[in-house]
């Protein structure tokens, strides 16, 4: 088995996001539909025999000690009691503070890759439990399929969604998740729905009005994209998206996007590229 691995850390979309309650510890109870995208950060791993965990690339604004890839590697190293280490290169593609799950996906890819690189053979459920200690979205990426999520995002039911192309726009804002979930004006009592109902139920992103009020550029991007297809914010923002009828339509919309924003035409992803690296 090779001592080096390269892997994609795919982005996600929240097709809807409802805040349905709040636990005594302050965590919010959610319902959401997660969708994987065939687009994201690229990570490279090289095994070390001296036990050191080293991030070999700088990520602006994120010290190595706070980076989820480093924290994930160290958590797994300690939990599995392994003496090996790793060098991690991160080619950051996804905008930070965009609601696309970049940091969480990087952490999940790290856990899956090191499960292979360190020859641990941990089952998926055990990796998901460890991932939940790092962030609420990490278990989804280890789960590795489109999913209906409940709880704080850790209770996952697989979904079979048809392939689709999307336009994703980054409107030039980085939205702190904690700020939005702490907002007094956030709705926290949306009616609970059942998974089969979500496609026909009137859904929304409960965080979107709060973000649009505080970050007008997000509202502007939604308004612009709405002229082409029904647009919505993903996660806690700032990125917005819309489903397109074809790749050609997605690329046409991206070509028309105002220069002040970044835009991508991206396709859905049936399974995580590292899905088979956990049982």
Protein backbone atom coordinates (compact mmCIF):
# COMPACT_ATOMS: atom_id res chain seq x y z
CA UNK A 1 0.00 0.00 0.00
CA UNK A 2 1.32 3.45 -0.92
CA UNK A 3 2.56 5.85 1.75
CA UNK A 4 1.05 8.81 -0.14
CA UNK A 5 -2.59 9.54 -0.95
CA UNK A 6 -4.43 12.31 -2.80
CA UNK A 7 -8.12 12.94 -2.26
CA UNK A 8 -10.99 15.34 -2.92
CA UNK A 9 -12.81 16.96 -0.02
CA UNK A 10 -16.16 17.62 -1.73
CA UNK A 11 -18.45 20.55 -1.03
CA UNK A 12 -22.05 20.17 0.13
CA UNK A 13 -25.27 22.05 -0.33
CA UNK A 14 -28.13 22.32 2.13
CA UNK A 15 -31.14 21.96 -0.16
CA UNK A 16 -33.16 23.30 2.77
CA UNK A 17 -32.34 24.00 6.42
CA UNK A 18 -34.96 24.22 9.17
CA UNK A 19 -34.19 25.09 12.79
CA UNK A 20 -36.77 23.07 14.74
CA UNK A 21 -35.63 23.59 18.33
CA UNK A 22 -32.79 24.07 20.74
CA UNK A 23 -31.21 21.68 23.24
CA UNK A 24 -30.49 22.66 26.87
CA UNK A 25 -26.77 22.83 26.03
CA UNK A 26 -27.46 25.53 23.43
CA UNK A 27 -27.02 23.41 20.31
CA UNK A 28 -29.73 23.87 17.70
CA UNK A 29 -31.89 21.02 16.45
CA UNK A 30 -32.08 20.95 12.66
CA UNK A 31 -33.64 19.27 9.71
CA UNK A 32 -31.80 19.53 6.42
CA UNK A 33 -31.10 17.73 3.15
CA UNK A 34 -27.38 17.44 2.43
CA UNK A 35 -26.23 17.12 -1.19
CA UNK A 36 -22.65 16.27 -2.20
CA UNK A 37 -20.98 18.18 -5.03
CA UNK A 38 -18.27 16.96 -7.39
CA UNK A 39 -16.09 19.95 -6.50
CA UNK A 40 -14.02 20.92 -3.49
CA UNK A 41 -10.63 21.17 -1.84
CA UNK A 42 -7.78 18.84 -2.81
CA UNK A 43 -5.74 17.18 -0.06
CA UNK A 44 -2.52 15.19 -0.22
CA UNK A 45 -1.20 12.97 2.58
CA UNK A 46 2.27 11.51 3.14
CA UNK A 47 2.85 9.04 5.96
CA UNK A 48 5.59 9.79 8.49
CA UNK A 49 7.14 7.31 10.89
CA UNK A 50 8.08 9.83 13.60
CA UNK A 51 4.53 10.58 14.81
CA UNK A 52 4.52 14.23 13.73
CA UNK A 53 1.34 15.78 12.30
CA UNK A 54 2.41 18.54 9.93
CA UNK A 55 0.34 20.84 7.72
CA UNK A 56 2.63 21.69 4.84
CA UNK A 57 0.61 24.54 3.30
CA UNK A 58 -0.54 27.82 4.80
CA UNK A 59 -4.26 28.56 4.97
CA UNK A 60 -4.74 32.35 5.32
CA UNK A 61 -6.31 33.22 8.66
CA UNK A 62 -6.22 29.65 10.00
CA UNK A 63 -3.24 28.74 12.22
CA UNK A 64 -2.20 25.10 11.93
CA UNK A 65 -3.20 24.35 15.53
CA UNK A 66 -6.78 25.47 14.80
CA UNK A 67 -7.07 23.79 11.40
CA UNK A 68 -9.63 20.99 11.39
CA UNK A 69 -7.34 18.75 9.31
CA UNK A 70 -4.63 18.92 11.97
CA UNK A 71 -7.13 18.49 14.80
CA UNK A 72 -8.74 15.52 13.01
CA UNK A 73 -5.41 13.82 12.45
CA UNK A 74 -4.38 14.28 16.07
CA UNK A 75 -7.74 13.05 17.41
CA UNK A 76 -7.52 9.92 15.30
CA UNK A 77 -3.86 9.37 16.17
CA UNK A 78 -4.64 9.55 19.90
CA UNK A 79 -7.84 7.49 19.71
CA UNK A 80 -6.23 4.74 17.64
CA UNK A 81 -2.97 4.88 19.61
CA UNK A 82 -0.82 4.86 16.48
CA UNK A 83 2.82 5.92 16.34
CA UNK A 84 2.72 7.03 12.70
CA UNK A 85 2.36 10.65 11.65
CA UNK A 86 1.47 12.47 8.46
CA UNK A 87 2.26 15.47 6.26
CA UNK A 88 -0.88 17.16 4.91
CA UNK A 89 -1.03 19.49 1.90
CA UNK A 90 -4.28 21.44 1.45
CA UNK A 91 -5.15 23.06 -1.88
CA UNK A 92 -7.97 25.32 -0.70
CA UNK A 93 -10.64 25.83 -3.37
CA UNK A 94 -13.85 26.37 -1.39
CA UNK A 95 -14.43 29.85 0.06
CA UNK A 96 -14.26 29.98 3.83
CA UNK A 97 -17.42 31.12 5.61
CA UNK A 98 -19.41 30.04 2.56
CA UNK A 99 -21.73 27.38 3.98
CA UNK A 100 -20.26 24.73 1.67
CA UNK A 101 -18.76 22.65 4.48
CA UNK A 102 -15.14 23.14 3.41
CA UNK A 103 -13.48 22.76 6.82
CA UNK A 104 -15.74 19.89 7.85
CA UNK A 105 -15.18 18.12 4.54
CA UNK A 106 -11.41 18.55 4.88
CA UNK A 107 -11.60 16.98 8.34
CA UNK A 108 -13.70 14.05 7.09
CA UNK A 109 -11.38 13.41 4.16
CA UNK A 110 -8.46 13.46 6.60
CA UNK A 111 -10.10 10.84 8.83
CA UNK A 112 -10.98 8.62 5.86
CA UNK A 113 -7.54 8.97 4.27
CA UNK A 114 -5.66 8.25 7.50
CA UNK A 115 -7.91 5.27 8.16
CA UNK A 116 -6.36 3.89 4.96
CA UNK A 117 -2.85 5.36 5.26
CA UNK A 118 -2.37 4.19 8.85
CA UNK A 119 -4.08 0.84 8.10
CA UNK A 120 -6.60 1.21 10.94
CA UNK A 121 -9.67 -0.39 9.34
CA UNK A 122 -12.03 1.58 11.58
CA UNK A 123 -15.71 1.16 10.63
CA UNK A 124 -17.62 4.15 9.28
CA UNK A 125 -19.75 4.55 12.42
CA UNK A 126 -16.66 4.88 14.60
CA UNK A 127 -15.15 7.50 12.31
CA UNK A 128 -18.46 9.40 12.30
CA UNK A 129 -18.55 9.43 16.10
CA UNK A 130 -15.02 10.83 16.21
CA UNK A 131 -15.91 13.34 13.49
CA UNK A 132 -18.85 14.65 15.50
CA UNK A 133 -16.36 15.80 18.15
CA UNK A 134 -14.85 18.09 15.50
CA UNK A 135 -18.04 19.55 14.03
CA UNK A 136 -21.69 18.79 13.33
CA UNK A 137 -21.21 18.47 9.54
CA UNK A 138 -18.21 16.12 9.68
CA UNK A 139 -20.26 12.90 10.14
CA UNK A 140 -22.20 13.62 6.94
CA UNK A 141 -19.07 13.71 4.81
CA UNK A 142 -17.89 10.42 6.35
CA UNK A 143 -21.39 9.02 5.74
CA UNK A 144 -20.57 9.82 2.14
CA UNK A 145 -24.02 9.99 0.48
CA UNK A 146 -26.81 12.51 0.03
CA UNK A 147 -28.74 12.46 3.28
CA UNK A 148 -31.68 13.76 5.24
CA UNK A 149 -30.18 14.98 8.52
CA UNK A 150 -31.73 15.61 11.92
CA UNK A 151 -30.57 16.32 15.47
CA UNK A 152 -27.58 18.67 15.28
CA UNK A 153 -26.94 17.15 11.86
CA UNK A 154 -25.58 13.79 12.99
CA UNK A 155 -28.71 11.63 12.51
CA UNK A 156 -28.48 10.70 8.85
CA UNK A 157 -30.84 8.85 6.50
CA UNK A 158 -29.65 8.16 2.94
CA UNK A 159 -31.53 9.83 0.10
CA UNK A 160 -31.65 8.96 -3.59
CA UNK A 161 -31.72 12.22 -5.53
CA UNK A 162 -31.52 12.56 -9.32
CA UNK A 163 -28.28 13.97 -10.75
CA UNK A 164 -28.28 17.72 -11.15
CA UNK A 165 -26.14 20.68 -12.15
CA UNK A 166 -25.98 23.76 -9.95
CA UNK A 167 -24.73 27.31 -10.11
CA UNK A 168 -22.97 28.31 -6.89
CA UNK A 169 -22.15 31.96 -6.22
CA UNK A 170 -19.83 33.36 -3.57
CA UNK A 171 -20.95 36.97 -3.03
CA UNK A 172 -17.75 38.12 -1.33
CA UNK A 173 -18.73 37.73 2.33
CA UNK A 174 -17.49 35.36 5.00
CA UNK A 175 -20.33 34.60 7.42
CA UNK A 176 -19.46 33.32 10.93
CA UNK A 177 -21.79 30.43 11.70
CA UNK A 178 -21.88 31.19 15.43
CA UNK A 179 -23.04 34.77 14.79
CA UNK A 180 -26.06 33.62 12.82
CA UNK A 181 -27.12 30.85 15.20
CA UNK A 182 -26.87 33.29 18.13
CA UNK A 183 -29.01 35.94 16.43
CA UNK A 184 -32.07 36.88 18.48
CA UNK A 185 -34.20 37.17 15.35
CA UNK A 186 -33.50 33.59 14.20
CA UNK A 187 -36.61 31.40 13.91
CA UNK A 188 -36.13 28.29 16.05
CA UNK A 189 -39.56 26.67 15.93
CA UNK A 190 -40.11 25.51 12.36
CA UNK A 191 -42.54 22.60 12.06
CA UNK A 192 -40.88 19.19 11.85
CA UNK A 193 -41.38 17.42 8.52
CA UNK A 194 -40.92 13.81 7.41
CA UNK A 195 -38.21 12.90 4.94
CA UNK A 196 -40.54 11.90 2.05
CA UNK A 197 -42.30 15.25 2.35
CA UNK A 198 -39.31 17.49 1.86
CA UNK A 199 -39.41 17.62 -1.95
CA UNK A 200 -43.03 18.76 -2.02
CA UNK A 201 -43.21 20.54 1.32
CA UNK A 202 -42.68 24.27 1.37
CA UNK A 203 -39.12 24.38 2.63
CA UNK A 204 -36.63 27.17 3.15
CA UNK A 205 -33.36 28.04 4.83
CA UNK A 206 -34.29 29.52 8.23
CA UNK A 207 -30.89 31.20 8.46
CA UNK A 208 -31.27 33.05 5.17
CA UNK A 209 -33.32 36.06 6.36
CA UNK A 210 -30.87 36.70 9.20
CA UNK A 211 -27.85 36.54 6.88
CA UNK A 212 -29.48 38.66 4.17
CA UNK A 213 -30.28 41.39 6.71
CA UNK A 214 -26.74 41.45 8.06
CA UNK A 215 -24.91 40.82 4.78
CA UNK A 216 -26.76 42.64 1.96
CA UNK A 217 -24.42 41.24 -0.69
CA UNK A 218 -25.93 37.79 -0.01
CA UNK A 219 -29.42 39.17 -0.65
CA UNK A 220 -28.15 40.80 -3.85
CA UNK A 221 -26.74 37.49 -5.12
CA UNK A 222 -30.00 35.66 -4.37
CA UNK A 223 -32.01 38.34 -6.17
CA UNK A 224 -29.76 38.11 -9.24
CA UNK A 225 -29.74 34.30 -9.37
CA UNK A 226 -33.54 34.21 -8.91
CA UNK A 227 -33.85 35.65 -12.42
CA UNK A 228 -32.43 32.38 -13.78
CA UNK A 229 -33.81 29.77 -11.34
CA UNK A 230 -35.08 29.50 -7.79
CA UNK A 231 -32.14 30.53 -5.61
CA UNK A 232 -31.38 29.78 -1.99
CA UNK A 233 -28.55 30.18 0.49
CA UNK A 234 -26.66 27.08 1.63
CA UNK A 235 -25.88 26.44 5.29
CA UNK A 236 -25.23 29.59 7.26
CA UNK A 237 -24.03 31.34 4.10
CA UNK A 238 -22.62 33.22 2.39
CA UNK A 239 -22.81 31.12 -0.80
CA UNK A 240 -26.05 30.83 -2.73
CA UNK A 241 -27.10 28.26 -5.31
CA UNK A 242 -29.75 27.26 -7.83
CA UNK A 243 -30.46 23.99 -9.62
CA UNK A 244 -30.15 24.11 -13.40
CA UNK A 245 -31.78 22.01 -16.12
CA UNK A 246 -28.45 21.14 -17.77
CA UNK A 247 -24.69 21.68 -17.69
CA UNK A 248 -25.05 24.06 -20.62
CA UNK A 249 -27.55 26.24 -18.75
CA UNK A 250 -25.33 26.25 -15.65
CA UNK A 251 -22.33 27.40 -17.66
CA UNK A 252 -24.37 30.08 -19.43
CA UNK A 253 -25.52 31.52 -16.09
CA UNK A 254 -21.97 31.48 -14.72
CA UNK A 255 -20.77 33.35 -17.82
CA UNK A 256 -23.33 36.10 -17.10
CA UNK A 257 -22.48 36.43 -13.41
CA UNK A 258 -21.36 39.92 -12.33
CA UNK A 259 -17.59 40.21 -11.98
CA UNK A 260 -17.85 41.28 -8.34
CA UNK A 261 -18.81 37.70 -7.42
CA UNK A 262 -17.27 34.28 -7.97
CA UNK A 263 -19.46 31.69 -9.68
CA UNK A 264 -19.09 28.01 -10.52
CA UNK A 265 -21.03 25.44 -12.53
CA UNK A 266 -20.87 22.19 -10.53
CA UNK A 267 -22.52 18.80 -10.66
CA UNK A 268 -23.90 16.60 -7.92
CA UNK A 269 -21.87 13.65 -6.63
CA UNK A 270 -23.46 10.29 -5.95
CA UNK A 271 -20.93 9.08 -3.38
CA UNK A 272 -17.91 10.48 -1.59
CA UNK A 273 -14.69 9.59 -3.49
CA UNK A 274 -13.34 7.86 -0.34
CA UNK A 275 -16.59 6.07 0.50
CA UNK A 276 -15.01 2.64 0.21
CA UNK A 277 -12.22 3.53 2.63
CA UNK A 278 -14.50 2.76 5.58
CA UNK A 279 -16.84 -0.16 6.11
